[in-house]
C-alpha atoms as a PDB file:
ATOM      1  CA  MET A   1       0.000   0.000   0.000  1.00  0.00           C
ATOM      2  CA  LYS A   2       1.226   3.492  -0.847  1.00  0.00           C
ATOM      3  CA  LYS A   3       0.942   6.738   1.106  1.00  0.00           C
ATOM      4  CA  TYR A   4      -0.752   9.810  -0.327  1.00  0.00           C
ATOM      5  CA  LEU A   5      -0.754  13.400   0.868  1.00  0.00           C
ATOM      6  CA  LEU A   6      -4.085  15.200   0.774  1.00  0.00           C
ATOM      7  CA  LEU A   7      -3.530  18.974   0.891  1.00  0.00           C
ATOM      8  CA  PHE A   8      -6.591  20.930   1.944  1.00  0.00           C
ATOM      9  CA  ARG A   9      -6.794  24.265   0.145  1.00  0.00           C
ATOM     10  CA  GLY A  10      -9.207  27.118   0.633  1.00  0.00           C
ATOM     11  CA  GLY A  11     -12.640  26.582   2.052  1.00  0.00           C
ATOM     12  CA  ASP A  12     -14.512  28.795   4.443  1.00  0.00           C
ATOM     13  CA  ALA A  13     -13.643  26.939   7.652  1.00  0.00           C
ATOM     14  CA  HIS A  14     -11.563  29.758   9.150  1.00  0.00           C
ATOM     15  CA  ARG A  15     -14.153  32.384   8.244  1.00  0.00           C
ATOM     16  CA  MET A  16     -16.833  30.034   9.520  1.00  0.00           C
ATOM     17  CA  GLU A  17     -15.068  29.853  12.882  1.00  0.00           C
ATOM     18  CA  GLU A  18     -15.264  33.628  13.165  1.00  0.00           C
ATOM     19  CA  GLN A  19     -18.753  34.165  11.735  1.00  0.00           C
ATOM     20  CA  LYS A  20     -20.857  31.168  12.774  1.00  0.00           C
ATOM     21  CA  SER A  21     -22.175  30.077  16.105  1.00  0.00           C
ATOM     22  CA  PRO A  22     -20.072  27.779  18.296  1.00  0.00           C
ATOM     23  CA  GLU A  23     -22.646  25.058  17.626  1.00  0.00           C
ATOM     24  CA  ALA A  24     -22.273  25.365  13.837  1.00  0.00           C
ATOM     25  CA  TRP A  25     -18.491  25.307  14.160  1.00  0.00           C
ATOM     26  CA  GLN A  26     -18.647  22.225  16.404  1.00  0.00           C
ATOM     27  CA  ALA A  27     -20.973  20.442  13.955  1.00  0.00           C
ATOM     28  CA  HIS A  28     -18.560  21.182  11.113  1.00  0.00           C
ATOM     29  CA  MET A  29     -15.571  19.889  13.080  1.00  0.00           C
ATOM     30  CA  GLN A  30     -17.537  16.770  14.060  1.00  0.00           C
ATOM     31  CA  LYS A  31     -17.882  15.915  10.355  1.00  0.00           C
ATOM     32  CA  TRP A  32     -14.075  16.061  10.015  1.00  0.00           C
ATOM     33  CA  MET A  33     -13.615  13.840  13.058  1.00  0.00           C
ATOM     34  CA  GLN A  34     -16.143  11.290  11.793  1.00  0.00           C
ATOM     35  CA  TRP A  35     -14.485  11.193   8.363  1.00  0.00           C
ATOM     36  CA  MET A  36     -11.014  10.651   9.836  1.00  0.00           C
ATOM     37  CA  LYS A  37     -12.322   8.057  12.306  1.00  0.00           C
ATOM     38  CA  ALA A  38     -13.889   6.084   9.446  1.00  0.00           C
ATOM     39  CA  LEU A  39     -10.580   6.199   7.553  1.00  0.00           C
ATOM     40  CA  ALA A  40      -8.720   4.986  10.657  1.00  0.00           C
ATOM     41  CA  GLU A  41     -11.144   2.089  11.088  1.00  0.00           C
ATOM     42  CA  GLN A  42     -10.400   1.059   7.485  1.00  0.00           C
ATOM     43  CA  GLY A  43      -6.637   1.313   7.989  1.00  0.00           C
ATOM     44  CA  LYS A  44      -6.495   4.245   5.561  1.00  0.00           C
ATOM     45  CA  PHE A  45      -5.551   7.017   8.025  1.00  0.00           C
ATOM     46  CA  ALA A  46      -1.837   7.693   8.610  1.00  0.00           C
ATOM     47  CA  GLY A  47      -1.954  11.179  10.173  1.00  0.00           C
ATOM     48  CA  ALA A  48      -3.304  14.712   9.790  1.00  0.00           C
ATOM     49  CA  GLU A  49      -2.784  18.226  11.121  1.00  0.00           C
ATOM     50  CA  PRO A  50      -4.406  21.632  10.590  1.00  0.00           C
ATOM     51  CA  LEU A  51      -2.202  24.610   9.737  1.00  0.00           C
ATOM     52  CA  THR A  52      -2.362  28.255  10.768  1.00  0.00           C
ATOM     53  CA  ASN A  53      -3.203  30.882   8.148  1.00  0.00           C
ATOM     54  CA  ASP A  54       0.162  32.607   8.462  1.00  0.00           C
ATOM     55  CA  GLY A  55       3.723  31.462   7.936  1.00  0.00           C
ATOM     56  CA  LYS A  56       7.111  32.460   6.559  1.00  0.00           C
ATOM     57  CA  VAL A  57       8.356  32.276   2.987  1.00  0.00           C
ATOM     58  CA  ILE A  58      12.071  31.840   2.290  1.00  0.00           C
ATOM     59  CA  SER A  59      13.206  32.749  -1.216  1.00  0.00           C
ATOM     60  CA  LYS A  60      16.418  32.941  -3.214  1.00  0.00           C
ATOM     61  CA  GLY A  61      19.120  34.757  -1.305  1.00  0.00           C
ATOM     62  CA  LEU A  62      17.585  33.398   1.916  1.00  0.00           C
ATOM     63  CA  LYS A  63      15.222  36.360   2.103  1.00  0.00           C
ATOM     64  CA  VAL A  64      12.486  35.695   4.686  1.00  0.00           C
ATOM     65  CA  THR A  65       9.074  37.346   4.352  1.00  0.00           C
ATOM     66  CA  ASP A  66       5.721  36.930   6.042  1.00  0.00           C
ATOM     67  CA  GLY A  67       3.289  34.843   4.104  1.00  0.00           C
ATOM     68  CA  PRO A  68       2.031  32.997   2.285  1.00  0.00           C
ATOM     69  CA  TYR A  69      -0.190  35.704   0.870  1.00  0.00           C
ATOM     70  CA  MET A  70      -2.317  34.324  -1.908  1.00  0.00           C
ATOM     71  CA  GLU A  71      -5.971  33.966  -2.730  1.00  0.00           C
ATOM     72  CA  GLY A  72      -7.953  32.221  -0.006  1.00  0.00           C
ATOM     73  CA  LYS A  73      -8.737  29.288  -2.285  1.00  0.00           C
ATOM     74  CA  GLU A  74      -4.990  28.572  -2.631  1.00  0.00           C
ATOM     75  CA  ILE A  75      -4.017  28.682   1.057  1.00  0.00           C
ATOM     76  CA  VAL A  76      -3.122  25.274   2.462  1.00  0.00           C
ATOM     77  CA  GLY A  77      -5.140  24.909   5.655  1.00  0.00           C
ATOM     78  CA  GLY A  78      -4.063  21.404   6.591  1.00  0.00           C
ATOM     79  CA  TYR A  79      -3.127  17.980   5.366  1.00  0.00           C
ATOM     80  CA  LEU A  80      -3.891  14.305   5.797  1.00  0.00           C
ATOM     81  CA  ILE A  81      -1.753  11.322   4.925  1.00  0.00           C
ATOM     82  CA  CYS A  82      -3.719   8.293   3.804  1.00  0.00           C
ATOM     83  CA  ASN A  83      -2.902   4.729   2.836  1.00  0.00           C
ATOM     84  CA  ALA A  84      -4.238   3.685  -0.561  1.00  0.00           C
ATOM     85  CA  ASN A  85      -3.435   1.133  -3.250  1.00  0.00           C
ATOM     86  CA  ASN A  86      -3.311   3.705  -6.069  1.00  0.00           C
ATOM     87  CA  TYR A  87      -4.253   7.243  -7.101  1.00  0.00           C
ATOM     88  CA  ASP A  88      -7.830   6.237  -7.884  1.00  0.00           C
ATOM     89  CA  GLU A  89      -8.370   4.960  -4.350  1.00  0.00           C
ATOM     90  CA  ALA A  90      -6.701   8.052  -2.850  1.00  0.00           C
ATOM     91  CA  VAL A  91      -8.984  10.278  -4.942  1.00  0.00           C
ATOM     92  CA  GLU A  92     -12.036   8.358  -3.713  1.00  0.00           C
ATOM     93  CA  ILE A  93     -10.846   8.873  -0.132  1.00  0.00           C
ATOM     94  CA  ALA A  94     -10.423  12.606  -0.821  1.00  0.00           C
ATOM     95  CA  LYS A  95     -13.953  12.854  -2.227  1.00  0.00           C
ATOM     96  CA  GLY A  96     -15.317  12.126   1.253  1.00  0.00           C
ATOM     97  CA  CYS A  97     -13.610  15.169   2.761  1.00  0.00           C
ATOM     98  CA  PRO A  98     -15.892  17.715   4.481  1.00  0.00           C
ATOM     99  CA  ILE A  99     -13.920  20.612   2.956  1.00  0.00           C
ATOM    100  CA  PHE A 100     -16.126  20.433  -0.137  1.00  0.00           C
ATOM    101  CA  GLU A 101     -19.058  21.664   1.988  1.00  0.00           C
ATOM    102  CA  GLN A 102     -17.017  24.862   2.508  1.00  0.00           C
ATOM    103  CA  ASP A 103     -16.029  25.326  -1.172  1.00  0.00           C
ATOM    104  CA  GLY A 104     -12.489  24.063  -0.581  1.00  0.00           C
ATOM    105  CA  ILE A 105     -10.368  21.795  -2.743  1.00  0.00           C
ATOM    106  CA  VAL A 106      -8.139  18.801  -2.084  1.00  0.00           C
ATOM    107  CA  GLU A 107      -4.854  18.206  -3.886  1.00  0.00           C
ATOM    108  CA  VAL A 108      -3.782  14.540  -3.889  1.00  0.00           C
ATOM    109  CA  ARG A 109      -0.067  13.707  -4.173  1.00  0.00           C
ATOM    110  CA  GLU A 110       1.709  10.369  -3.896  1.00  0.00           C
ATOM    111  CA  ILE A 111       4.468  10.229  -1.276  1.00  0.00           C
ATOM    112  CA  LEU A 112       7.613   8.607  -2.647  1.00  0.00           C
ATOM    113  CA  GLU A 113       8.741   5.481  -0.856  1.00  0.00           C
ATOM    114  CA  GLY A 114      12.167   5.550   0.722  1.00  0.00           C
ATOM    115  CA  GLY A 115      12.101   9.235   1.602  1.00  0.00           C
ATOM    116  CA  MET A 116      14.861  11.578   0.560  1.00  0.00           C
END
């Protein structure tokens, strides 16, 4: 079985946290927890973490700037690593992600075996 990285981009989750009631936010987060629990029960879940909206960007010449500043739909808000037999299975796993309810997108990338 291979490992795949699911990058969660965009979505309104962070705005939802600020604008919606605590109950609506909790209900949204419960959907994420249920999805990840189901993946774990199937042996498909290998780890996940949310990310903050801010960060640092290091460019040529080792220049460090605040960022990333890009359109909201491009900001990476978190990731999940899943176990799947192939890209098709990883894509099917990604299709169950609650981010689509918030107009987000998921980028699926295979993780190379053996590391760097």
